[in-house]
Amino acid sequence: MRLHAIVRGRVQGVGFRWFVRELASELQLGGWVMNRHDGAVEVLADGADAAVARLRAALERGPAGAAVERVDVLDDEVPAESNGSRFTIRR
């Protein structure tokens, strides 16, 4: 399963990317997370359905200090590449 999502709210400067990377790595997902210029965080994750679902649920709450307003799932805009079995933070 693949998830491509944009997380909006107070999600930059609060450790959101590291939160996502750590959880995705624990769940053995491939993909990446990055800050966007508009203040949102973008996530692309590939892996087992249950693991992707757990990451999706975690995006709704984020780490302590974050204030997630919404998570937009982009079913029709999924980039073709991820990182195989690695999950990284993009700059």
N, C-alpha and C. Protein backbone atom coordinates (compact mmCIF):
# COMPACT_ATOMS: atom_id res chain seq x y z
N MET A 1 0.85 -1.17 0.00
CA MET A 1 0.00 0.00 0.00
C MET A 1 0.89 1.23 0.00
N ARG A 2 0.41 2.29 -0.60
CA ARG A 2 1.15 3.55 -0.65
C ARG A 2 0.28 4.67 -0.11
N LEU A 3 0.90 5.56 0.66
CA LEU A 3 0.23 6.74 1.20
C LEU A 3 1.01 7.97 0.78
N HIS A 4 0.33 8.92 0.18
CA HIS A 4 0.92 10.23 -0.12
C HIS A 4 0.01 11.24 0.55
N ALA A 5 0.56 11.98 1.52
CA ALA A 5 -0.27 12.88 2.31
C ALA A 5 0.42 14.21 2.57
N ILE A 6 -0.41 15.23 2.74
CA ILE A 6 0.05 16.56 3.14
C ILE A 6 -0.57 16.81 4.51
N VAL A 7 0.29 17.10 5.50
CA VAL A 7 -0.17 17.35 6.86
C VAL A 7 -0.10 18.85 7.10
N ARG A 8 -1.22 19.43 7.52
CA ARG A 8 -1.30 20.89 7.70
C ARG A 8 -1.57 21.24 9.16
N GLY A 9 -1.11 22.40 9.55
CA GLY A 9 -1.26 22.89 10.91
C GLY A 9 0.09 23.37 11.41
N ARG A 10 0.30 23.32 12.73
CA ARG A 10 1.62 23.64 13.28
C ARG A 10 2.43 22.34 13.26
N VAL A 11 3.11 22.12 12.13
CA VAL A 11 3.81 20.85 11.92
C VAL A 11 5.28 21.04 11.55
N GLN A 12 5.73 22.27 11.46
CA GLN A 12 7.15 22.52 11.23
C GLN A 12 7.75 23.14 12.48
N GLY A 13 8.98 22.75 12.78
CA GLY A 13 9.65 23.27 13.97
C GLY A 13 9.25 22.57 15.25
N VAL A 14 8.57 21.42 15.14
CA VAL A 14 8.11 20.69 16.32
C VAL A 14 8.57 19.23 16.31
N GLY A 15 9.50 18.88 15.41
CA GLY A 15 10.00 17.51 15.33
C GLY A 15 9.10 16.57 14.56
N PHE A 16 8.22 17.11 13.73
CA PHE A 16 7.27 16.27 13.01
C PHE A 16 7.96 15.30 12.05
N ARG A 17 8.93 15.80 11.29
CA ARG A 17 9.62 14.92 10.33
C ARG A 17 10.32 13.78 11.05
N TRP A 18 10.97 14.05 12.18
CA TRP A 18 11.67 13.00 12.93
C TRP A 18 10.68 12.01 13.53
N PHE A 19 9.54 12.51 14.01
CA PHE A 19 8.47 11.67 14.51
C PHE A 19 8.01 10.68 13.43
N VAL A 20 7.78 11.19 12.22
CA VAL A 20 7.33 10.35 11.12
C VAL A 20 8.41 9.35 10.72
N ARG A 21 9.66 9.82 10.61
CA ARG A 21 10.74 8.92 10.22
C ARG A 21 10.91 7.78 11.21
N GLU A 22 10.90 8.08 12.50
CA GLU A 22 11.07 7.04 13.51
C GLU A 22 9.95 6.01 13.46
N LEU A 23 8.72 6.48 13.38
CA LEU A 23 7.59 5.55 13.34
C LEU A 23 7.61 4.73 12.05
N ALA A 24 7.86 5.38 10.93
CA ALA A 24 7.90 4.67 9.64
C ALA A 24 9.01 3.61 9.65
N SER A 25 10.14 3.93 10.23
CA SER A 25 11.23 2.96 10.32
C SER A 25 10.84 1.78 11.19
N GLU A 26 10.19 2.05 12.34
CA GLU A 26 9.71 0.96 13.21
C GLU A 26 8.73 0.07 12.47
N LEU A 27 7.91 0.67 11.63
CA LEU A 27 6.88 -0.07 10.89
C LEU A 27 7.42 -0.68 9.60
N GLN A 28 8.70 -0.49 9.35
CA GLN A 28 9.39 -1.04 8.17
C GLN A 28 8.78 -0.53 6.86
N LEU A 29 8.51 0.77 6.84
CA LEU A 29 7.98 1.41 5.65
C LEU A 29 9.11 2.06 4.87
N GLY A 30 8.97 2.13 3.58
CA GLY A 30 9.87 2.90 2.75
C GLY A 30 9.24 4.23 2.45
N GLY A 31 10.05 5.19 2.00
CA GLY A 31 9.49 6.48 1.60
C GLY A 31 10.26 7.65 2.15
N TRP A 32 9.55 8.76 2.32
CA TRP A 32 10.20 9.98 2.78
C TRP A 32 9.20 10.93 3.40
N VAL A 33 9.75 11.92 4.11
CA VAL A 33 8.97 13.01 4.69
C VAL A 33 9.76 14.29 4.46
N MET A 34 9.06 15.40 4.20
CA MET A 34 9.77 16.66 4.00
C MET A 34 8.87 17.85 4.34
N ASN A 35 9.53 18.94 4.75
CA ASN A 35 8.83 20.20 4.94
C ASN A 35 8.54 20.81 3.57
N ARG A 36 7.37 21.43 3.47
CA ARG A 36 7.01 22.15 2.25
C ARG A 36 7.14 23.64 2.49
N HIS A 37 7.28 24.39 1.43
CA HIS A 37 7.43 25.84 1.54
C HIS A 37 6.18 26.53 2.08
N ASP A 38 5.03 25.87 1.99
CA ASP A 38 3.78 26.46 2.47
C ASP A 38 3.53 26.20 3.95
N GLY A 39 4.49 25.60 4.66
CA GLY A 39 4.35 25.34 6.09
C GLY A 39 3.81 23.96 6.43
N ALA A 40 3.44 23.19 5.42
CA ALA A 40 2.93 21.83 5.63
C ALA A 40 4.08 20.84 5.61
N VAL A 41 3.76 19.59 5.91
CA VAL A 41 4.71 18.48 5.82
C VAL A 41 4.13 17.47 4.84
N GLU A 42 4.96 16.99 3.93
CA GLU A 42 4.54 16.01 2.92
C GLU A 42 5.14 14.66 3.25
N VAL A 43 4.35 13.61 3.11
CA VAL A 43 4.77 12.24 3.44
C VAL A 43 4.43 11.31 2.28
N LEU A 44 5.40 10.46 1.92
CA LEU A 44 5.16 9.37 0.99
C LEU A 44 5.64 8.11 1.68
N ALA A 45 4.76 7.13 1.85
CA ALA A 45 5.12 5.90 2.55
C ALA A 45 4.61 4.69 1.77
N ASP A 46 5.44 3.65 1.71
CA ASP A 46 5.10 2.38 1.05
C ASP A 46 5.31 1.25 2.03
N GLY A 47 4.41 0.26 2.00
CA GLY A 47 4.61 -0.91 2.84
C GLY A 47 3.34 -1.69 3.04
N ALA A 48 3.35 -2.52 4.06
CA ALA A 48 2.21 -3.37 4.38
C ALA A 48 0.99 -2.51 4.74
N ASP A 49 -0.18 -2.96 4.35
CA ASP A 49 -1.41 -2.20 4.58
C ASP A 49 -1.58 -1.78 6.04
N ALA A 50 -1.40 -2.70 6.97
CA ALA A 50 -1.60 -2.38 8.39
C ALA A 50 -0.59 -1.35 8.88
N ALA A 51 0.64 -1.44 8.41
CA ALA A 51 1.67 -0.49 8.82
C ALA A 51 1.38 0.90 8.27
N VAL A 52 0.96 0.97 7.02
CA VAL A 52 0.62 2.27 6.43
C VAL A 52 -0.58 2.88 7.15
N ALA A 53 -1.55 2.05 7.51
CA ALA A 53 -2.72 2.54 8.25
C ALA A 53 -2.32 3.09 9.62
N ARG A 54 -1.38 2.45 10.29
CA ARG A 54 -0.90 2.95 11.59
C ARG A 54 -0.20 4.29 11.43
N LEU A 55 0.62 4.43 10.38
CA LEU A 55 1.28 5.71 10.14
C LEU A 55 0.25 6.78 9.83
N ARG A 56 -0.72 6.46 9.02
CA ARG A 56 -1.79 7.42 8.66
C ARG A 56 -2.49 7.92 9.92
N ALA A 57 -2.81 7.03 10.84
CA ALA A 57 -3.47 7.43 12.09
C ALA A 57 -2.56 8.33 12.92
N ALA A 58 -1.26 8.02 12.94
CA ALA A 58 -0.31 8.81 13.72
C ALA A 58 -0.15 10.21 13.15
N LEU A 59 -0.30 10.36 11.84
CA LEU A 59 -0.20 11.69 11.23
C LEU A 59 -1.28 12.63 11.75
N GLU A 60 -2.42 12.08 12.13
CA GLU A 60 -3.53 12.89 12.65
C GLU A 60 -3.19 13.57 13.98
N ARG A 61 -2.32 12.96 14.78
CA ARG A 61 -1.99 13.53 16.09
C ARG A 61 -0.61 14.16 16.11
N GLY A 62 0.37 13.57 15.43
CA GLY A 62 1.73 14.12 15.40
C GLY A 62 2.41 14.00 16.75
N PRO A 63 3.61 14.58 16.86
CA PRO A 63 4.35 14.54 18.12
C PRO A 63 3.85 15.62 19.09
N ALA A 64 4.31 15.56 20.32
CA ALA A 64 4.00 16.61 21.29
C ALA A 64 4.49 17.93 20.72
N GLY A 65 3.70 18.97 20.85
CA GLY A 65 4.07 20.27 20.31
C GLY A 65 3.46 20.56 18.96
N ALA A 66 3.03 19.54 18.24
CA ALA A 66 2.37 19.74 16.95
C ALA A 66 0.89 20.01 17.17
N ALA A 67 0.30 20.69 16.22
CA ALA A 67 -1.15 20.92 16.22
C ALA A 67 -1.63 20.65 14.79
N VAL A 68 -2.00 19.40 14.55
CA VAL A 68 -2.44 18.99 13.21
C VAL A 68 -3.85 19.50 12.97
N GLU A 69 -4.01 20.27 11.90
CA GLU A 69 -5.33 20.76 11.53
C GLU A 69 -6.04 19.77 10.61
N ARG A 70 -5.27 19.22 9.65
CA ARG A 70 -5.86 18.22 8.76
C ARG A 70 -4.77 17.46 8.02
N VAL A 71 -5.15 16.29 7.53
CA VAL A 71 -4.28 15.46 6.72
C VAL A 71 -4.99 15.24 5.39
N ASP A 72 -4.40 15.73 4.32
CA ASP A 72 -4.96 15.56 2.99
C ASP A 72 -4.26 14.37 2.32
N VAL A 73 -5.02 13.34 1.96
CA VAL A 73 -4.47 12.18 1.26
C VAL A 73 -4.67 12.41 -0.23
N LEU A 74 -3.56 12.32 -0.98
CA LEU A 74 -3.56 12.64 -2.40
C LEU A 74 -3.52 11.37 -3.23
N ASP A 75 -4.66 10.72 -3.36
CA ASP A 75 -4.73 9.46 -4.11
C ASP A 75 -4.35 9.59 -5.57
N ASP A 76 -4.68 10.73 -6.17
CA ASP A 76 -4.43 10.88 -7.60
C ASP A 76 -3.09 11.54 -7.92
N GLU A 77 -2.29 11.87 -6.89
CA GLU A 77 -1.03 12.57 -7.13
C GLU A 77 0.16 11.83 -6.53
N VAL A 78 0.13 10.52 -6.52
CA VAL A 78 1.19 9.75 -5.87
C VAL A 78 2.44 9.75 -6.74
N PRO A 79 3.56 10.29 -6.23
CA PRO A 79 4.80 10.22 -7.01
C PRO A 79 5.21 8.77 -7.23
N ALA A 80 5.87 8.50 -8.32
CA ALA A 80 6.23 7.14 -8.69
C ALA A 80 7.33 6.56 -7.81
N GLU A 81 8.22 7.39 -7.30
CA GLU A 81 9.37 6.86 -6.56
C GLU A 81 9.20 7.04 -5.06
N SER A 82 9.79 6.12 -4.32
CA SER A 82 9.92 6.29 -2.87
C SER A 82 11.39 6.07 -2.57
N ASN A 83 11.72 5.23 -1.64
CA ASN A 83 13.12 4.91 -1.35
C ASN A 83 13.28 3.42 -1.11
N GLY A 84 12.44 2.61 -1.72
CA GLY A 84 12.51 1.18 -1.48
C GLY A 84 12.12 0.87 -0.05
N SER A 85 13.03 0.24 0.70
CA SER A 85 12.73 -0.15 2.07
C SER A 85 13.26 0.85 3.10
N ARG A 86 13.83 1.96 2.66
CA ARG A 86 14.35 2.98 3.58
C ARG A 86 13.35 4.12 3.70
N PHE A 87 13.33 4.74 4.87
CA PHE A 87 12.49 5.91 5.07
C PHE A 87 13.41 7.06 5.47
N THR A 88 13.36 8.15 4.71
CA THR A 88 14.30 9.25 4.91
C THR A 88 13.60 10.58 5.10
N ILE A 89 14.36 11.53 5.60
CA ILE A 89 13.91 12.92 5.67
C ILE A 89 14.53 13.64 4.49
N ARG A 90 13.69 14.25 3.70
CA ARG A 90 14.18 15.07 2.57
C ARG A 90 14.28 16.50 3.02
N ARG A 91 15.20 17.21 2.44
CA ARG A 91 15.39 18.63 2.80
C ARG A 91 14.75 19.53 1.77
